[in-house]
Amino acid sequence: TTYQWSPIKGLSLNQNFSVLQGGGGSAHSEYFLELTEAGIFSFLLFISFFFVSLYRSLKNYSKMQDKKTKTILLCALMGLVTYFVHGLFNNFLDDGKLAFLFWTSLSALSTIDINSNSKTN
């Protein structure tokens, strides 16, 4: 065989010039992968995750008083910004160990946003 699949290492090629059709790996960009596998509407939704989470988090950060929650918000936001920048060059949402961090950070920002909105209303 020309390639071996390992759930830990992913797809590794042994011979670069004799790759089976459809067995050459994945896109090296989270954005290109989303665009090619799910289409333009899913791609726009994925991009909107970034912009909405960035906007809402910065808005909440500026009006928040609690230092502990502010620190959690800032750490989760910086982790997401790092992931979205890194997503230009690689894709890791199909790896459960890294997808967990992405979705946990997004849910932490959402929880803080919901709690801060409920306190102001």
PDB file of N, CA and C in Angstrom:
ATOM      1  N   THR A   1       0.840  -1.188   0.000  1.00  0.00           N
ATOM      2  CA  THR A   1       0.000   0.000   0.000  1.00  0.00           C
ATOM      3  C   THR A   1       0.879   1.242   0.000  1.00  0.00           C
ATOM      4  N   THR A   2       0.327   2.326  -0.466  1.00  0.00           N
ATOM      5  CA  THR A   2       1.104   3.559  -0.559  1.00  0.00           C
ATOM      6  C   THR A   2       0.857   4.493   0.617  1.00  0.00           C
ATOM      7  N   TYR A   3      -0.107   4.198   1.441  1.00  0.00           N
ATOM      8  CA  TYR A   3      -0.346   5.044   2.606  1.00  0.00           C
ATOM      9  C   TYR A   3      -0.818   4.188   3.748  1.00  0.00           C
ATOM     10  N   GLN A   4      -0.623   4.692   4.971  1.00  0.00           N
ATOM     11  CA  GLN A   4      -1.070   3.993   6.172  1.00  0.00           C
ATOM     12  C   GLN A   4      -1.878   4.961   7.011  1.00  0.00           C
ATOM     13  N   TRP A   5      -2.961   4.470   7.556  1.00  0.00           N
ATOM     14  CA  TRP A   5      -3.797   5.303   8.411  1.00  0.00           C
ATOM     15  C   TRP A   5      -3.585   4.909   9.851  1.00  0.00           C
ATOM     16  N   SER A   6      -3.328   5.891  10.676  1.00  0.00           N
ATOM     17  CA  SER A   6      -3.193   5.686  12.107  1.00  0.00           C
ATOM     18  C   SER A   6      -4.071   6.719  12.801  1.00  0.00           C
ATOM     19  N   PRO A   7      -4.961   6.302  13.729  1.00  0.00           N
ATOM     20  CA  PRO A   7      -5.826   7.288  14.377  1.00  0.00           C
ATOM     21  C   PRO A   7      -5.054   8.310  15.207  1.00  0.00           C
ATOM     22  N   ILE A   8      -3.847   7.984  15.598  1.00  0.00           N
ATOM     23  CA  ILE A   8      -3.059   8.916  16.394  1.00  0.00           C
ATOM     24  C   ILE A   8      -2.278   9.878  15.489  1.00  0.00           C
ATOM     25  N   LYS A   9      -1.662   9.361  14.448  1.00  0.00           N
ATOM     26  CA  LYS A   9      -0.821  10.178  13.585  1.00  0.00           C
ATOM     27  C   LYS A   9      -1.566  10.745  12.390  1.00  0.00           C
ATOM     28  N   GLY A  10      -2.713  10.216  12.049  1.00  0.00           N
ATOM     29  CA  GLY A  10      -3.426  10.664  10.861  1.00  0.00           C
ATOM     30  C   GLY A  10      -2.929   9.940   9.634  1.00  0.00           C
ATOM     31  N   LEU A  11      -2.970  10.587   8.519  1.00  0.00           N
ATOM     32  CA  LEU A  11      -2.573   9.997   7.260  1.00  0.00           C
ATOM     33  C   LEU A  11      -1.114  10.298   6.991  1.00  0.00           C
ATOM     34  N   SER A  12      -0.321   9.267   6.776  1.00  0.00           N
ATOM     35  CA  SER A  12       1.078   9.493   6.432  1.00  0.00           C
ATOM     36  C   SER A  12       1.381   8.785   5.127  1.00  0.00           C
ATOM     37  N   LEU A  13       2.046   9.473   4.242  1.00  0.00           N
ATOM     38  CA  LEU A  13       2.370   8.927   2.936  1.00  0.00           C
ATOM     39  C   LEU A  13       3.753   8.310   2.960  1.00  0.00           C
ATOM     40  N   ASN A  14       3.868   7.107   2.362  1.00  0.00           N
ATOM     41  CA  ASN A  14       5.164   6.455   2.248  1.00  0.00           C
ATOM     42  C   ASN A  14       5.829   6.797   0.912  1.00  0.00           C
ATOM     43  N   GLN A  15       5.043   6.876  -0.142  1.00  0.00           N
ATOM     44  CA  GLN A  15       5.563   7.181  -1.465  1.00  0.00           C
ATOM     45  C   GLN A  15       4.750   8.338  -2.033  1.00  0.00           C
ATOM     46  N   ASN A  16       5.345   9.467  -2.180  1.00  0.00           N
ATOM     47  CA  ASN A  16       4.630  10.675  -2.573  1.00  0.00           C
ATOM     48  C   ASN A  16       4.081  10.634  -3.991  1.00  0.00           C
ATOM     49  N   PHE A  17       4.683   9.860  -4.893  1.00  0.00           N
ATOM     50  CA  PHE A  17       4.292   9.912  -6.291  1.00  0.00           C
ATOM     51  C   PHE A  17       3.316   8.819  -6.695  1.00  0.00           C
ATOM     52  N   SER A  18       2.957   7.933  -5.805  1.00  0.00           N
ATOM     53  CA  SER A  18       2.006   6.877  -6.150  1.00  0.00           C
ATOM     54  C   SER A  18       0.873   6.823  -5.128  1.00  0.00           C
ATOM     55  N   VAL A  19       0.241   7.952  -4.919  1.00  0.00           N
ATOM     56  CA  VAL A  19      -0.853   8.057  -3.961  1.00  0.00           C
ATOM     57  C   VAL A  19      -2.140   7.595  -4.627  1.00  0.00           C
ATOM     58  N   LEU A  20      -2.916   6.767  -3.930  1.00  0.00           N
ATOM     59  CA  LEU A  20      -4.198   6.326  -4.469  1.00  0.00           C
ATOM     60  C   LEU A  20      -5.150   7.505  -4.589  1.00  0.00           C
ATOM     61  N   GLN A  21      -6.055   7.435  -5.541  1.00  0.00           N
ATOM     62  CA  GLN A  21      -7.041   8.491  -5.738  1.00  0.00           C
ATOM     63  C   GLN A  21      -7.874   8.667  -4.460  1.00  0.00           C
ATOM     64  N   GLY A  22      -7.940   9.867  -3.952  1.00  0.00           N
ATOM     65  CA  GLY A  22      -8.711  10.153  -2.746  1.00  0.00           C
ATOM     66  C   GLY A  22      -7.987   9.799  -1.470  1.00  0.00           C
ATOM     67  N   GLY A  23      -6.724   9.403  -1.520  1.00  0.00           N
ATOM     68  CA  GLY A  23      -5.998   9.000  -0.322  1.00  0.00           C
ATOM     69  C   GLY A  23      -4.834   9.901   0.002  1.00  0.00           C
ATOM     70  N   GLY A  24      -4.845  11.141  -0.456  1.00  0.00           N
ATOM     71  CA  GLY A  24      -3.697  12.020  -0.299  1.00  0.00           C
ATOM     72  C   GLY A  24      -3.757  12.955   0.884  1.00  0.00           C
ATOM     73  N   GLY A  25      -4.708  12.813   1.761  1.00  0.00           N
ATOM     74  CA  GLY A  25      -4.770  13.694   2.915  1.00  0.00           C
ATOM     75  C   GLY A  25      -5.912  14.683   2.804  1.00  0.00           C
ATOM     76  N   SER A  26      -5.784  15.759   3.518  1.00  0.00           N
ATOM     77  CA  SER A  26      -6.855  16.739   3.625  1.00  0.00           C
ATOM     78  C   SER A  26      -6.321  18.118   3.258  1.00  0.00           C
ATOM     79  N   ALA A  27      -7.234  19.088   3.200  1.00  0.00           N
ATOM     80  CA  ALA A  27      -6.833  20.470   2.942  1.00  0.00           C
ATOM     81  C   ALA A  27      -6.016  20.978   4.116  1.00  0.00           C
ATOM     82  N   HIS A  28      -5.030  21.790   3.839  1.00  0.00           N
ATOM     83  CA  HIS A  28      -4.197  22.330   4.914  1.00  0.00           C
ATOM     84  C   HIS A  28      -4.686  23.700   5.345  1.00  0.00           C
ATOM     85  N   SER A  29      -5.997  23.842   5.402  1.00  0.00           N
ATOM     86  CA  SER A  29      -6.605  25.063   5.886  1.00  0.00           C
ATOM     87  C   SER A  29      -8.001  24.717   6.377  1.00  0.00           C
ATOM     88  N   GLU A  30      -8.312  25.174   7.566  1.00  0.00           N
ATOM     89  CA  GLU A  30      -9.644  24.926   8.123  1.00  0.00           C
ATOM     90  C   GLU A  30     -10.709  25.558   7.233  1.00  0.00           C
ATOM     91  N   TYR A  31     -10.395  26.698   6.661  1.00  0.00           N
ATOM     92  CA  TYR A  31     -11.350  27.432   5.845  1.00  0.00           C
ATOM     93  C   TYR A  31     -11.580  26.751   4.493  1.00  0.00           C
ATOM     94  N   PHE A  32     -10.497  26.329   3.838  1.00  0.00           N
ATOM     95  CA  PHE A  32     -10.648  25.617   2.563  1.00  0.00           C
ATOM     96  C   PHE A  32     -11.377  24.295   2.752  1.00  0.00           C
ATOM     97  N   LEU A  33     -11.083  23.607   3.852  1.00  0.00           N
ATOM     98  CA  LEU A  33     -11.755  22.343   4.128  1.00  0.00           C
ATOM     99  C   LEU A  33     -13.249  22.557   4.304  1.00  0.00           C
ATOM    100  N   GLU A  34     -13.623  23.566   5.052  1.00  0.00           N
ATOM    101  CA  GLU A  34     -15.046  23.868   5.262  1.00  0.00           C
ATOM    102  C   GLU A  34     -15.713  24.258   3.945  1.00  0.00           C
ATOM    103  N   LEU A  35     -15.040  25.037   3.160  1.00  0.00           N
ATOM    104  CA  LEU A  35     -15.590  25.490   1.886  1.00  0.00           C
ATOM    105  C   LEU A  35     -15.770  24.337   0.909  1.00  0.00           C
ATOM    106  N   THR A  36     -14.807  23.439   0.837  1.00  0.00           N
ATOM    107  CA  THR A  36     -14.898  22.343  -0.128  1.00  0.00           C
ATOM    108  C   THR A  36     -15.822  21.219   0.328  1.00  0.00           C
ATOM    109  N   GLU A  37     -15.887  20.980   1.625  1.00  0.00           N
ATOM    110  CA  GLU A  37     -16.704  19.860   2.094  1.00  0.00           C
ATOM    111  C   GLU A  37     -18.156  20.238   2.347  1.00  0.00           C
ATOM    112  N   ALA A  38     -18.421  21.472   2.741  1.00  0.00           N
ATOM    113  CA  ALA A  38     -19.783  21.823   3.137  1.00  0.00           C
ATOM    114  C   ALA A  38     -20.404  22.945   2.313  1.00  0.00           C
ATOM    115  N   GLY A  39     -19.606  23.658   1.553  1.00  0.00           N
ATOM    116  CA  GLY A  39     -20.166  24.683   0.692  1.00  0.00           C
ATOM    117  C   GLY A  39     -20.061  26.081   1.270  1.00  0.00           C
ATOM    118  N   ILE A  40     -20.532  27.023   0.475  1.00  0.00           N
ATOM    119  CA  ILE A  40     -20.362  28.439   0.788  1.00  0.00           C
ATOM    120  C   ILE A  40     -21.160  28.874   2.020  1.00  0.00           C
ATOM    121  N   PHE A  41     -22.365  28.345   2.211  1.00  0.00           N
ATOM    122  CA  PHE A  41     -23.177  28.775   3.360  1.00  0.00           C
ATOM    123  C   PHE A  41     -22.585  28.293   4.676  1.00  0.00           C
ATOM    124  N   SER A  42     -22.080  27.077   4.695  1.00  0.00           N
ATOM    125  CA  SER A  42     -21.432  26.569   5.898  1.00  0.00           C
ATOM    126  C   SER A  42     -20.125  27.313   6.158  1.00  0.00           C
ATOM    127  N   PHE A  43     -19.412  27.641   5.102  1.00  0.00           N
ATOM    128  CA  PHE A  43     -18.183  28.425   5.228  1.00  0.00           C
ATOM    129  C   PHE A  43     -18.478  29.795   5.841  1.00  0.00           C
ATOM    130  N   LEU A  44     -19.522  30.446   5.367  1.00  0.00           N
ATOM    131  CA  LEU A  44     -19.896  31.753   5.919  1.00  0.00           C
ATOM    132  C   LEU A  44     -20.338  31.649   7.376  1.00  0.00           C
ATOM    133  N   LEU A  45     -21.027  30.558   7.721  1.00  0.00           N
ATOM    134  CA  LEU A  45     -21.406  30.331   9.107  1.00  0.00           C
ATOM    135  C   LEU A  45     -20.169  30.135   9.983  1.00  0.00           C
ATOM    136  N   PHE A  46     -19.208  29.387   9.479  1.00  0.00           N
ATOM    137  CA  PHE A  46     -17.964  29.155  10.214  1.00  0.00           C
ATOM    138  C   PHE A  46     -17.214  30.461  10.431  1.00  0.00           C
ATOM    139  N   ILE A  47     -17.134  31.300   9.418  1.00  0.00           N
ATOM    140  CA  ILE A  47     -16.478  32.596   9.536  1.00  0.00           C
ATOM    141  C   ILE A  47     -17.241  33.497  10.514  1.00  0.00           C
ATOM    142  N   SER A  48     -18.570  33.397  10.474  1.00  0.00           N
ATOM    143  CA  SER A  48     -19.373  34.223  11.385  1.00  0.00           C
ATOM    144  C   SER A  48     -19.154  33.833  12.847  1.00  0.00           C
ATOM    145  N   PHE A  49     -18.817  32.559  13.129  1.00  0.00           N
ATOM    146  CA  PHE A  49     -18.457  32.162  14.497  1.00  0.00           C
ATOM    147  C   PHE A  49     -17.335  33.052  15.013  1.00  0.00           C
ATOM    148  N   PHE A  50     -16.356  33.260  14.184  1.00  0.00           N
ATOM    149  CA  PHE A  50     -15.205  34.058  14.599  1.00  0.00           C
ATOM    150  C   PHE A  50     -15.590  35.510  14.840  1.00  0.00           C
ATOM    151  N   PHE A  51     -16.244  36.128  13.884  1.00  0.00           N
ATOM    152  CA  PHE A  51     -16.544  37.553  14.009  1.00  0.00           C
ATOM    153  C   PHE A  51     -17.557  37.840  15.120  1.00  0.00           C
ATOM    154  N   VAL A  52     -18.560  36.999  15.258  1.00  0.00           N
ATOM    155  CA  VAL A  52     -19.555  37.212  16.314  1.00  0.00           C
ATOM    156  C   VAL A  52     -18.923  36.988  17.691  1.00  0.00           C
ATOM    157  N   SER A  53     -18.125  35.926  17.835  1.00  0.00           N
ATOM    158  CA  SER A  53     -17.492  35.687  19.129  1.00  0.00           C
ATOM    159  C   SER A  53     -16.495  36.790  19.467  1.00  0.00           C
ATOM    160  N   LEU A  54     -15.779  37.289  18.481  1.00  0.00           N
ATOM    161  CA  LEU A  54     -14.841  38.384  18.720  1.00  0.00           C
ATOM    162  C   LEU A  54     -15.583  39.658  19.121  1.00  0.00           C
ATOM    163  N   TYR A  55     -16.618  40.014  18.396  1.00  0.00           N
ATOM    164  CA  TYR A  55     -17.383  41.225  18.691  1.00  0.00           C
ATOM    165  C   TYR A  55     -18.037  41.161  20.064  1.00  0.00           C
ATOM    166  N   ARG A  56     -18.759  40.067  20.333  1.00  0.00           N
ATOM    167  CA  ARG A  56     -19.478  39.952  21.609  1.00  0.00           C
ATOM    168  C   ARG A  56     -18.509  39.882  22.793  1.00  0.00           C
ATOM    169  N   SER A  57     -17.392  39.198  22.612  1.00  0.00           N
ATOM    170  CA  SER A  57     -16.429  39.071  23.708  1.00  0.00           C
ATOM    171  C   SER A  57     -15.775  40.407  24.034  1.00  0.00           C
ATOM    172  N   LEU A  58     -15.385  41.147  23.014  1.00  0.00           N
ATOM    173  CA  LEU A  58     -14.788  42.463  23.273  1.00  0.00           C
ATOM    174  C   LEU A  58     -15.796  43.421  23.891  1.00  0.00           C
ATOM    175  N   LYS A  59     -17.043  43.319  23.472  1.00  0.00           N
ATOM    176  CA  LYS A  59     -18.100  44.153  24.059  1.00  0.00           C
ATOM    177  C   LYS A  59     -18.307  43.801  25.536  1.00  0.00           C
ATOM    178  N   ASN A  60     -18.361  42.512  25.842  1.00  0.00           N
ATOM    179  CA  ASN A  60     -18.537  42.080  27.232  1.00  0.00           C
ATOM    180  C   ASN A  60     -17.312  42.419  28.081  1.00  0.00           C
ATOM    181  N   TYR A  61     -16.120  42.280  27.495  1.00  0.00           N
ATOM    182  CA  TYR A  61     -14.894  42.548  28.243  1.00  0.00           C
ATOM    183  C   TYR A  61     -14.816  44.007  28.686  1.00  0.00           C
ATOM    184  N   SER A  62     -15.247  44.897  27.814  1.00  0.00           N
ATOM    185  CA  SER A  62     -15.136  46.319  28.146  1.00  0.00           C
ATOM    186  C   SER A  62     -16.089  46.751  29.258  1.00  0.00           C
ATOM    187  N   LYS A  63     -17.221  46.076  29.397  1.00  0.00           N
ATOM    188  CA  LYS A  63     -18.182  46.494  30.431  1.00  0.00           C
ATOM    189  C   LYS A  63     -18.194  45.588  31.661  1.00  0.00           C
ATOM    190  N   MET A  64     -17.356  44.553  31.689  1.00  0.00           N
ATOM    191  CA  MET A  64     -17.357  43.588  32.784  1.00  0.00           C
ATOM    192  C   MET A  64     -16.562  44.107  33.983  1.00  0.00           C
ATOM    193  N   GLN A  65     -17.050  43.826  35.190  1.00  0.00           N
ATOM    194  CA  GLN A  65     -16.405  44.286  36.416  1.00  0.00           C
ATOM    195  C   GLN A  65     -15.621  43.180  37.125  1.00  0.00           C
ATOM    196  N   ASP A  66     -16.110  41.950  37.066  1.00  0.00           N
ATOM    197  CA  ASP A  66     -15.499  40.822  37.780  1.00  0.00           C
ATOM    198  C   ASP A  66     -14.173  40.429  37.125  1.00  0.00           C
ATOM    199  N   LYS A  67     -13.080  40.499  37.877  1.00  0.00           N
ATOM    200  CA  LYS A  67     -11.737  40.228  37.339  1.00  0.00           C
ATOM    201  C   LYS A  67     -11.563  38.769  36.926  1.00  0.00           C
ATOM    202  N   LYS A  68     -12.140  37.840  37.707  1.00  0.00           N
ATOM    203  CA  LYS A  68     -11.987  36.417  37.402  1.00  0.00           C
ATOM    204  C   LYS A  68     -12.685  36.077  36.079  1.00  0.00           C
ATOM    205  N   THR A  69     -13.892  36.553  35.909  1.00  0.00           N
ATOM    206  CA  THR A  69     -14.631  36.293  34.674  1.00  0.00           C
ATOM    207  C   THR A  69     -13.964  36.994  33.505  1.00  0.00           C
ATOM    208  N   LYS A  70     -13.426  38.164  33.733  1.00  0.00           N
ATOM    209  CA  LYS A  70     -12.712  38.892  32.687  1.00  0.00           C
ATOM    210  C   LYS A  70     -11.488  38.116  32.212  1.00  0.00           C
ATOM    211  N   THR A  71     -10.779  37.505  33.151  1.00  0.00           N
ATOM    212  CA  THR A  71      -9.602  36.712  32.812  1.00  0.00           C
ATOM    213  C   THR A  71      -9.991  35.473  32.018  1.00  0.00           C
ATOM    214  N   ILE A  72     -11.057  34.789  32.430  1.00  0.00           N
ATOM    215  CA  ILE A  72     -11.530  33.607  31.711  1.00  0.00           C
ATOM    216  C   ILE A  72     -11.952  33.987  30.299  1.00  0.00           C
ATOM    217  N   LEU A  73     -12.662  35.099  30.187  1.00  0.00           N
ATOM    218  CA  LEU A  73     -13.111  35.569  28.883  1.00  0.00           C
ATOM    219  C   LEU A  73     -11.914  35.880  27.987  1.00  0.00           C
ATOM    220  N   LEU A  74     -10.930  36.568  28.511  1.00  0.00           N
ATOM    221  CA  LEU A  74      -9.765  36.936  27.723  1.00  0.00           C
ATOM    222  C   LEU A  74      -8.971  35.700  27.289  1.00  0.00           C
ATOM    223  N   CYS A  75      -8.805  34.730  28.188  1.00  0.00           N
ATOM    224  CA  CYS A  75      -8.074  33.499  27.841  1.00  0.00           C
ATOM    225  C   CYS A  75      -8.809  32.705  26.764  1.00  0.00           C
ATOM    226  N   ALA A  76     -10.118  32.558  26.906  1.00  0.00           N
ATOM    227  CA  ALA A  76     -10.894  31.829  25.910  1.00  0.00           C
ATOM    228  C   ALA A  76     -10.877  32.548  24.566  1.00  0.00           C
ATOM    229  N   LEU A  77     -10.962  33.863  24.603  1.00  0.00           N
ATOM    230  CA  LEU A  77     -10.943  34.645  23.363  1.00  0.00           C
ATOM    231  C   LEU A  77      -9.588  34.550  22.671  1.00  0.00           C
ATOM    232  N   MET A  78      -8.515  34.671  23.411  1.00  0.00           N
ATOM    233  CA  MET A  78      -7.186  34.579  22.801  1.00  0.00           C
ATOM    234  C   MET A  78      -6.919  33.170  22.257  1.00  0.00           C
ATOM    235  N   GLY A  79      -7.434  32.152  22.937  1.00  0.00           N
ATOM    236  CA  GLY A  79      -7.322  30.804  22.409  1.00  0.00           C
ATOM    237  C   GLY A  79      -8.055  30.650  21.087  1.00  0.00           C
ATOM    238  N   LEU A  80      -9.246  31.221  20.995  1.00  0.00           N
ATOM    239  CA  LEU A  80     -10.006  31.156  19.744  1.00  0.00           C
ATOM    240  C   LEU A  80      -9.345  31.962  18.638  1.00  0.00           C
ATOM    241  N   VAL A  81      -8.842  33.134  18.955  1.00  0.00           N
ATOM    242  CA  VAL A  81      -8.150  33.939  17.939  1.00  0.00           C
ATOM    243  C   VAL A  81      -6.922  33.182  17.433  1.00  0.00           C
ATOM    244  N   THR A  82      -6.187  32.567  18.331  1.00  0.00           N
ATOM    245  CA  THR A  82      -5.034  31.762  17.944  1.00  0.00           C
ATOM    246  C   THR A  82      -5.454  30.619  17.035  1.00  0.00           C
ATOM    247  N   TYR A  83      -6.544  29.952  17.386  1.00  0.00           N
ATOM    248  CA  TYR A  83      -7.005  28.843  16.557  1.00  0.00           C
ATOM    249  C   TYR A  83      -7.440  29.321  15.174  1.00  0.00           C
ATOM    250  N   PHE A  84      -8.165  30.423  15.113  1.00  0.00           N
ATOM    251  CA  PHE A  84      -8.640  30.907  13.821  1.00  0.00           C
ATOM    252  C   PHE A  84      -7.486  31.384  12.933  1.00  0.00           C
ATOM    253  N   VAL A  85      -6.449  31.959  13.510  1.00  0.00           N
ATOM    254  CA  VAL A  85      -5.273  32.329  12.719  1.00  0.00           C
ATOM    255  C   VAL A  85      -4.543  31.072  12.273  1.00  0.00           C
ATOM    256  N   HIS A  86      -4.383  30.131  13.174  1.00  0.00           N
ATOM    257  CA  HIS A  86      -3.716  28.870  12.838  1.00  0.00           C
ATOM    258  C   HIS A  86      -4.518  28.086  11.802  1.00  0.00           C
ATOM    259  N   GLY A  87      -5.835  28.265  11.799  1.00  0.00           N
ATOM    260  CA  GLY A  87      -6.702  27.582  10.839  1.00  0.00           C
ATOM    261  C   GLY A  87      -6.440  27.970   9.403  1.00  0.00           C
ATOM    262  N   LEU A  88      -5.758  29.081   9.186  1.00  0.00           N
ATOM    263  CA  LEU A  88      -5.364  29.451   7.826  1.00  0.00           C
ATOM    264  C   LEU A  88      -4.362  28.461   7.246  1.00  0.00           C
ATOM    265  N   PHE A  89      -3.582  27.815   8.111  1.00  0.00           N
ATOM    266  CA  PHE A  89      -2.480  26.977   7.666  1.00  0.00           C
ATOM    267  C   PHE A  89      -2.668  25.496   7.942  1.00  0.00           C
ATOM    268  N   ASN A  90      -3.580  25.134   8.796  1.00  0.00           N
ATOM    269  CA  ASN A  90      -3.779  23.731   9.140  1.00  0.00           C
ATOM    270  C   ASN A  90      -5.201  23.527   9.627  1.00  0.00           C
ATOM    271  N   ASN A  91      -5.633  22.277   9.642  1.00  0.00           N
ATOM    272  CA  ASN A  91      -6.971  21.990  10.153  1.00  0.00           C
ATOM    273  C   ASN A  91      -6.896  20.906  11.221  1.00  0.00           C
ATOM    274  N   PHE A  92      -7.508  21.213  12.355  1.00  0.00           N
ATOM    275  CA  PHE A  92      -7.489  20.289  13.478  1.00  0.00           C
ATOM    276  C   PHE A  92      -8.865  20.031  14.071  1.00  0.00           C
ATOM    277  N   LEU A  93      -9.935  20.540  13.482  1.00  0.00           N
ATOM    278  CA  LEU A  93     -11.266  20.287  14.052  1.00  0.00           C
ATOM    279  C   LEU A  93     -11.696  18.837  13.898  1.00  0.00           C
ATOM    280  N   ASP A  94     -11.040  18.078  13.029  1.00  0.00           N
ATOM    281  CA  ASP A  94     -11.365  16.660  12.909  1.00  0.00           C
ATOM    282  C   ASP A  94     -10.632  15.811  13.954  1.00  0.00           C
ATOM    283  N   ASP A  95      -9.713  16.416  14.689  1.00  0.00           N
ATOM    284  CA  ASP A  95      -9.017  15.735  15.777  1.00  0.00           C
ATOM    285  C   ASP A  95      -9.736  16.062  17.083  1.00  0.00           C
ATOM    286  N   GLY A  96     -10.261  15.057  17.747  1.00  0.00           N
ATOM    287  CA  GLY A  96     -11.079  15.255  18.937  1.00  0.00           C
ATOM    288  C   GLY A  96     -10.384  15.979  20.072  1.00  0.00           C
ATOM    289  N   LYS A  97      -9.068  15.764  20.214  1.00  0.00           N
ATOM    290  CA  LYS A  97      -8.334  16.409  21.306  1.00  0.00           C
ATOM    291  C   LYS A  97      -8.254  17.921  21.121  1.00  0.00           C
ATOM    292  N   LEU A  98      -8.194  18.375  19.898  1.00  0.00           N
ATOM    293  CA  LEU A  98      -8.122  19.819  19.644  1.00  0.00           C
ATOM    294  C   LEU A  98      -9.497  20.423  19.417  1.00  0.00           C
ATOM    295  N   ALA A  99     -10.412  19.671  18.856  1.00  0.00           N
ATOM    296  CA  ALA A  99     -11.771  20.174  18.665  1.00  0.00           C
ATOM    297  C   ALA A  99     -12.423  20.452  20.016  1.00  0.00           C
ATOM    298  N   PHE A 100     -12.091  19.642  21.005  1.00  0.00           N
ATOM    299  CA  PHE A 100     -12.604  19.850  22.356  1.00  0.00           C
ATOM    300  C   PHE A 100     -12.237  21.234  22.881  1.00  0.00           C
ATOM    301  N   LEU A 101     -10.993  21.651  22.672  1.00  0.00           N
ATOM    302  CA  LEU A 101     -10.549  22.964  23.138  1.00  0.00           C
ATOM    303  C   LEU A 101     -11.264  24.088  22.394  1.00  0.00           C
ATOM    304  N   PHE A 102     -11.458  23.925  21.094  1.00  0.00           N
ATOM    305  CA  PHE A 102     -12.140  24.933  20.286  1.00  0.00           C
ATOM    306  C   PHE A 102     -13.572  25.122  20.752  1.00  0.00           C
ATOM    307  N   TRP A 103     -14.325  24.020  20.846  1.00  0.00           N
ATOM    308  CA  TRP A 103     -15.748  24.125  21.205  1.00  0.00           C
ATOM    309  C   TRP A 103     -15.930  24.508  22.671  1.00  0.00           C
ATOM    310  N   THR A 104     -15.007  24.118  23.545  1.00  0.00           N
ATOM    311  CA  THR A 104     -15.083  24.523  24.950  1.00  0.00           C
ATOM    312  C   THR A 104     -14.846  26.020  25.092  1.00  0.00           C
ATOM    313  N   SER A 105     -13.885  26.549  24.368  1.00  0.00           N
ATOM    314  CA  SER A 105     -13.638  27.993  24.406  1.00  0.00           C
ATOM    315  C   SER A 105     -14.829  28.766  23.860  1.00  0.00           C
ATOM    316  N   LEU A 106     -15.402  28.281  22.775  1.00  0.00           N
ATOM    317  CA  LEU A 106     -16.574  28.947  22.199  1.00  0.00           C
ATOM    318  C   LEU A 106     -17.760  28.887  23.153  1.00  0.00           C
ATOM    319  N   SER A 107     -17.935  27.759  23.834  1.00  0.00           N
ATOM    320  CA  SER A 107     -19.051  27.652  24.782  1.00  0.00           C
ATOM    321  C   SER A 107     -18.803  28.507  26.034  1.00  0.00           C
ATOM    322  N   ALA A 108     -17.543  28.657  26.449  1.00  0.00           N
ATOM    323  CA  ALA A 108     -17.241  29.528  27.592  1.00  0.00           C
ATOM    324  C   ALA A 108     -17.575  30.981  27.260  1.00  0.00           C
ATOM    325  N   LEU A 109     -17.218  31.402  26.052  1.00  0.00           N
ATOM    326  CA  LEU A 109     -17.549  32.765  25.637  1.00  0.00           C
ATOM    327  C   LEU A 109     -19.053  32.959  25.540  1.00  0.00           C
ATOM    328  N   SER A 110     -19.760  31.957  25.053  1.00  0.00           N
ATOM    329  CA  SER A 110     -21.217  32.042  24.950  1.00  0.00           C
ATOM    330  C   SER A 110     -21.867  32.098  26.327  1.00  0.00           C
ATOM    331  N   THR A 111     -21.374  31.290  27.256  1.00  0.00           N
ATOM    332  CA  THR A 111     -21.918  31.283  28.613  1.00  0.00           C
ATOM    333  C   THR A 111     -21.699  32.618  29.304  1.00  0.00           C
ATOM    334  N   ILE A 112     -20.513  33.171  29.158  1.00  0.00           N
ATOM    335  CA  ILE A 112     -20.232  34.480  29.751  1.00  0.00           C
ATOM    336  C   ILE A 112     -21.125  35.538  29.122  1.00  0.00           C
ATOM    337  N   ASP A 113     -21.322  35.458  27.816  1.00  0.00           N
ATOM    338  CA  ASP A 113     -22.185  36.419  27.123  1.00  0.00           C
ATOM    339  C   ASP A 113     -23.624  36.318  27.600  1.00  0.00           C
ATOM    340  N   ILE A 114     -24.131  35.123  27.746  1.00  0.00           N
ATOM    341  CA  ILE A 114     -25.515  34.936  28.211  1.00  0.00           C
ATOM    342  C   ILE A 114     -25.671  35.430  29.632  1.00  0.00           C
ATOM    343  N   ASN A 115     -24.698  35.099  30.497  1.00  0.00           N
ATOM    344  CA  ASN A 115     -24.776  35.539  31.896  1.00  0.00           C
ATOM    345  C   ASN A 115     -24.652  37.044  32.031  1.00  0.00           C
ATOM    346  N   SER A 116     -23.813  37.657  31.229  1.00  0.00           N
ATOM    347  CA  SER A 116     -23.680  39.120  31.323  1.00  0.00           C
ATOM    348  C   SER A 116     -24.919  39.821  30.792  1.00  0.00           C
ATOM    349  N   ASN A 117     -25.577  39.255  29.797  1.00  0.00           N
ATOM    350  CA  ASN A 117     -26.818  39.848  29.274  1.00  0.00           C
ATOM    351  C   ASN A 117     -27.963  39.668  30.254  1.00  0.00           C
ATOM    352  N   SER A 118     -28.000  38.544  30.977  1.00  0.00           N
ATOM    353  CA  SER A 118     -29.086  38.326  31.929  1.00  0.00           C
ATOM    354  C   SER A 118     -28.938  39.236  33.157  1.00  0.00           C
ATOM    355  N   LYS A 119     -27.705  39.608  33.499  1.00  0.00           N
ATOM    356  CA  LYS A 119     -27.479  40.503  34.643  1.00  0.00           C
ATOM    357  C   LYS A 119     -27.859  41.937  34.309  1.00  0.00           C
ATOM    358  N   THR A 120     -27.706  42.319  33.043  1.00  0.00           N
ATOM    359  CA  THR A 120     -28.035  43.697  32.665  1.00  0.00           C
ATOM    360  C   THR A 120     -29.521  43.880  32.431  1.00  0.00           C
ATOM    361  N   ASN A 121     -30.263  42.812  32.144  1.00  0.00           N
ATOM    362  CA  ASN A 121     -31.708  42.908  31.908  1.00  0.00           C
ATOM    363  C   ASN A 121     -32.516  42.813  33.174  1.00  0.00           C
TER     364      ASN A 121
END
